Amino acid sequence: MAVLALLVPSLMLGVILMLGRYEDHVLPPREAEPEPGHRSVEGLRG
């Protein structure tokens, strides 16, 4: 039982870390976000 109590959290952490790496490969890269003071005016011009 003691081995199980030490093994389960380690396995859960490993799974979470592997899912994070998998997510990096599956999702498209994020576009660079503009600076906080920058406003987009594309929709304002008709």
PDB file of N, CA and C in Angstrom:
ATOM      1  N   MET A   1       0.821  -1.202   0.000  1.00  0.00           N
ATOM      2  CA  MET A   1       0.000   0.000   0.000  1.00  0.00           C
ATOM      3  C   MET A   1       0.862   1.262   0.000  1.00  0.00           C
ATOM      4  N   ALA A   2       1.981   1.212   0.712  1.00  0.00           N
ATOM      5  CA  ALA A   2       2.849   2.383   0.759  1.00  0.00           C
ATOM      6  C   ALA A   2       3.454   2.660  -0.624  1.00  0.00           C
ATOM      7  N   VAL A   3       3.789   1.591  -1.330  1.00  0.00           N
ATOM      8  CA  VAL A   3       4.336   1.759  -2.674  1.00  0.00           C
ATOM      9  C   VAL A   3       3.280   2.378  -3.583  1.00  0.00           C
ATOM     10  N   LEU A   4       2.062   1.940  -3.443  1.00  0.00           N
ATOM     11  CA  LEU A   4       0.969   2.476  -4.247  1.00  0.00           C
ATOM     12  C   LEU A   4       0.742   3.956  -3.936  1.00  0.00           C
ATOM     13  N   ALA A   5       0.840   4.315  -2.665  1.00  0.00           N
ATOM     14  CA  ALA A   5       0.645   5.706  -2.265  1.00  0.00           C
ATOM     15  C   ALA A   5       1.742   6.607  -2.833  1.00  0.00           C
ATOM     16  N   LEU A   6       2.914   6.098  -3.077  1.00  0.00           N
ATOM     17  CA  LEU A   6       3.988   6.878  -3.670  1.00  0.00           C
ATOM     18  C   LEU A   6       3.942   6.834  -5.195  1.00  0.00           C
ATOM     19  N   LEU A   7       3.436   5.749  -5.736  1.00  0.00           N
ATOM     20  CA  LEU A   7       3.442   5.561  -7.183  1.00  0.00           C
ATOM     21  C   LEU A   7       2.339   6.353  -7.886  1.00  0.00           C
ATOM     22  N   VAL A   8       1.158   6.408  -7.310  1.00  0.00           N
ATOM     23  CA  VAL A   8       0.019   7.058  -7.965  1.00  0.00           C
ATOM     24  C   VAL A   8       0.262   8.553  -8.208  1.00  0.00           C
ATOM     25  N   PRO A   9       0.689   9.347  -7.216  1.00  0.00           N
ATOM     26  CA  PRO A   9       0.935  10.771  -7.509  1.00  0.00           C
ATOM     27  C   PRO A   9       2.030  10.978  -8.550  1.00  0.00           C
ATOM     28  N   SER A  10       3.047  10.135  -8.532  1.00  0.00           N
ATOM     29  CA  SER A  10       4.116  10.257  -9.529  1.00  0.00           C
ATOM     30  C   SER A  10       3.580   9.987 -10.929  1.00  0.00           C
ATOM     31  N   LEU A  11       2.748   8.987 -11.063  1.00  0.00           N
ATOM     32  CA  LEU A  11       2.153   8.687 -12.368  1.00  0.00           C
ATOM     33  C   LEU A  11       1.222   9.800 -12.820  1.00  0.00           C
ATOM     34  N   MET A  12       0.444  10.359 -11.907  1.00  0.00           N
ATOM     35  CA  MET A  12      -0.459  11.450 -12.264  1.00  0.00           C
ATOM     36  C   MET A  12       0.322  12.669 -12.734  1.00  0.00           C
ATOM     37  N   LEU A  13       1.412  12.988 -12.067  1.00  0.00           N
ATOM     38  CA  LEU A  13       2.247  14.109 -12.480  1.00  0.00           C
ATOM     39  C   LEU A  13       2.837  13.858 -13.861  1.00  0.00           C
ATOM     40  N   GLY A  14       3.290  12.648 -14.100  1.00  0.00           N
ATOM     41  CA  GLY A  14       3.828  12.295 -15.406  1.00  0.00           C
ATOM     42  C   GLY A  14       2.800  12.436 -16.508  1.00  0.00           C
ATOM     43  N   VAL A  15       1.577  12.027 -16.241  1.00  0.00           N
ATOM     44  CA  VAL A  15       0.512  12.134 -17.237  1.00  0.00           C
ATOM     45  C   VAL A  15       0.208  13.600 -17.534  1.00  0.00           C
ATOM     46  N   ILE A  16       0.153  14.429 -16.492  1.00  0.00           N
ATOM     47  CA  ILE A  16      -0.121  15.853 -16.697  1.00  0.00           C
ATOM     48  C   ILE A  16       0.980  16.500 -17.521  1.00  0.00           C
ATOM     49  N   LEU A  17       2.224  16.178 -17.235  1.00  0.00           N
ATOM     50  CA  LEU A  17       3.337  16.741 -17.994  1.00  0.00           C
ATOM     51  C   LEU A  17       3.316  16.270 -19.447  1.00  0.00           C
ATOM     52  N   MET A  18       2.987  15.008 -19.665  1.00  0.00           N
ATOM     53  CA  MET A  18       2.925  14.491 -21.032  1.00  0.00           C
ATOM     54  C   MET A  18       1.791  15.153 -21.809  1.00  0.00           C
ATOM     55  N   LEU A  19       0.654  15.415 -21.160  1.00  0.00           N
ATOM     56  CA  LEU A  19      -0.449  16.083 -21.843  1.00  0.00           C
ATOM     57  C   LEU A  19      -0.067  17.508 -22.230  1.00  0.00           C
ATOM     58  N   GLY A  20       0.704  18.176 -21.394  1.00  0.00           N
ATOM     59  CA  GLY A  20       1.164  19.521 -21.722  1.00  0.00           C
ATOM     60  C   GLY A  20       2.060  19.525 -22.942  1.00  0.00           C
ATOM     61  N   ARG A  21       2.955  18.552 -23.027  1.00  0.00           N
ATOM     62  CA  ARG A  21       3.828  18.457 -24.211  1.00  0.00           C
ATOM     63  C   ARG A  21       3.023  18.103 -25.449  1.00  0.00           C
ATOM     64  N   TYR A  22       2.038  17.221 -25.287  1.00  0.00           N
ATOM     65  CA  TYR A  22       1.189  16.821 -26.409  1.00  0.00           C
ATOM     66  C   TYR A  22       0.409  18.025 -26.921  1.00  0.00           C
ATOM     67  N   GLU A  23      -0.076  18.860 -25.996  1.00  0.00           N
ATOM     68  CA  GLU A  23      -0.837  20.045 -26.372  1.00  0.00           C
ATOM     69  C   GLU A  23       0.021  21.008 -27.184  1.00  0.00           C
ATOM     70  N   ASP A  24       1.288  21.148 -26.826  1.00  0.00           N
ATOM     71  CA  ASP A  24       2.189  22.027 -27.572  1.00  0.00           C
ATOM     72  C   ASP A  24       2.349  21.562 -29.019  1.00  0.00           C
ATOM     73  N   HIS A  25       2.327  20.267 -29.240  1.00  0.00           N
ATOM     74  CA  HIS A  25       2.504  19.742 -30.597  1.00  0.00           C
ATOM     75  C   HIS A  25       1.215  19.791 -31.407  1.00  0.00           C
ATOM     76  N   VAL A  26       0.071  19.676 -30.747  1.00  0.00           N
ATOM     77  CA  VAL A  26      -1.199  19.585 -31.464  1.00  0.00           C
ATOM     78  C   VAL A  26      -1.756  20.957 -31.817  1.00  0.00           C
ATOM     79  N   LEU A  27      -1.693  21.907 -30.884  1.00  0.00           N
ATOM     80  CA  LEU A  27      -2.277  23.220 -31.124  1.00  0.00           C
ATOM     81  C   LEU A  27      -1.388  24.047 -32.045  1.00  0.00           C
ATOM     82  N   PRO A  28      -1.988  24.898 -32.854  1.00  0.00           N
ATOM     83  CA  PRO A  28      -1.175  25.787 -33.690  1.00  0.00           C
ATOM     84  C   PRO A  28      -0.465  26.807 -32.805  1.00  0.00           C
ATOM     85  N   PRO A  29       0.664  27.319 -33.256  1.00  0.00           N
ATOM     86  CA  PRO A  29       1.383  28.301 -32.441  1.00  0.00           C
ATOM     87  C   PRO A  29       0.566  29.577 -32.284  1.00  0.00           C
ATOM     88  N   ARG A  30       0.691  30.191 -31.109  1.00  0.00           N
ATOM     89  CA  ARG A  30      -0.028  31.440 -30.859  1.00  0.00           C
ATOM     90  C   ARG A  30       0.601  32.573 -31.652  1.00  0.00           C
ATOM     91  N   GLU A  31      -0.253  33.461 -32.148  1.00  0.00           N
ATOM     92  CA  GLU A  31       0.257  34.639 -32.841  1.00  0.00           C
ATOM     93  C   GLU A  31       0.791  35.614 -31.804  1.00  0.00           C
ATOM     94  N   ALA A  32       1.749  36.406 -32.203  1.00  0.00           N
ATOM     95  CA  ALA A  32       2.304  37.389 -31.284  1.00  0.00           C
ATOM     96  C   ALA A  32       1.219  38.394 -30.915  1.00  0.00           C
ATOM     97  N   GLU A  33       1.034  38.584 -29.620  1.00  0.00           N
ATOM     98  CA  GLU A  33       0.010  39.517 -29.166  1.00  0.00           C
ATOM     99  C   GLU A  33       0.547  40.938 -29.262  1.00  0.00           C
ATOM    100  N   PRO A  34      -0.297  41.880 -29.664  1.00  0.00           N
ATOM    101  CA  PRO A  34       0.168  43.260 -29.773  1.00  0.00           C
ATOM    102  C   PRO A  34       0.471  43.850 -28.402  1.00  0.00           C
ATOM    103  N   GLU A  35       1.166  44.956 -28.426  1.00  0.00           N
ATOM    104  CA  GLU A  35       1.499  45.631 -27.174  1.00  0.00           C
ATOM    105  C   GLU A  35       0.221  46.113 -26.501  1.00  0.00           C
ATOM    106  N   PRO A  36       0.239  46.296 -25.184  1.00  0.00           N
ATOM    107  CA  PRO A  36      -0.985  46.703 -24.480  1.00  0.00           C
ATOM    108  C   PRO A  36      -1.575  48.024 -24.980  1.00  0.00           C
ATOM    109  N   GLY A  37      -0.760  48.981 -25.433  1.00  0.00           N
ATOM    110  CA  GLY A  37      -1.274  50.263 -25.896  1.00  0.00           C
ATOM    111  C   GLY A  37      -1.726  50.249 -27.339  1.00  0.00           C
ATOM    112  N   HIS A  38      -1.497  49.137 -28.041  1.00  0.00           N
ATOM    113  CA  HIS A  38      -1.815  49.038 -29.464  1.00  0.00           C
ATOM    114  C   HIS A  38      -3.279  48.662 -29.642  1.00  0.00           C
ATOM    115  N   ARG A  39      -3.986  49.401 -30.499  1.00  0.00           N
ATOM    116  CA  ARG A  39      -5.381  49.066 -30.787  1.00  0.00           C
ATOM    117  C   ARG A  39      -5.524  48.771 -32.268  1.00  0.00           C
ATOM    118  N   SER A  40      -6.268  47.745 -32.569  1.00  0.00           N
ATOM    119  CA  SER A  40      -6.514  47.384 -33.954  1.00  0.00           C
ATOM    120  C   SER A  40      -7.657  48.215 -34.498  1.00  0.00           C
ATOM    121  N   VAL A  41      -7.500  48.780 -35.685  1.00  0.00           N
ATOM    122  CA  VAL A  41      -8.548  49.611 -36.289  1.00  0.00           C
ATOM    123  C   VAL A  41      -9.075  48.978 -37.576  1.00  0.00           C
ATOM    124  N   GLU A  42      -8.781  47.718 -37.786  1.00  0.00           N
ATOM    125  CA  GLU A  42      -9.213  47.059 -39.012  1.00  0.00           C
ATOM    126  C   GLU A  42     -10.728  47.066 -39.164  1.00  0.00           C
ATOM    127  N   GLY A  43     -11.457  46.838 -38.072  1.00  0.00           N
ATOM    128  CA  GLY A  43     -12.911  46.780 -38.145  1.00  0.00           C
ATOM    129  C   GLY A  43     -13.565  48.146 -38.211  1.00  0.00           C
ATOM    130  N   LEU A  44     -12.845  49.199 -37.908  1.00  0.00           N
ATOM    131  CA  LEU A  44     -13.440  50.534 -37.884  1.00  0.00           C
ATOM    132  C   LEU A  44     -13.477  51.176 -39.262  1.00  0.00           C
ATOM    133  N   ARG A  45     -12.614  50.746 -40.120  1.00  0.00           N
ATOM    134  CA  ARG A  45     -12.593  51.330 -41.461  1.00  0.00           C
ATOM    135  C   ARG A  45     -13.567  50.592 -42.351  1.00  0.00           C
ATOM    136  N   GLY A  46     -14.479  51.306 -42.951  1.00  0.00           N
ATOM    137  CA  GLY A  46     -15.531  50.669 -43.736  1.00  0.00           C
ATOM    138  C   GLY A  46     -15.199  50.656 -45.137  1.00  0.00           C
TER     139      GLY A  46
END
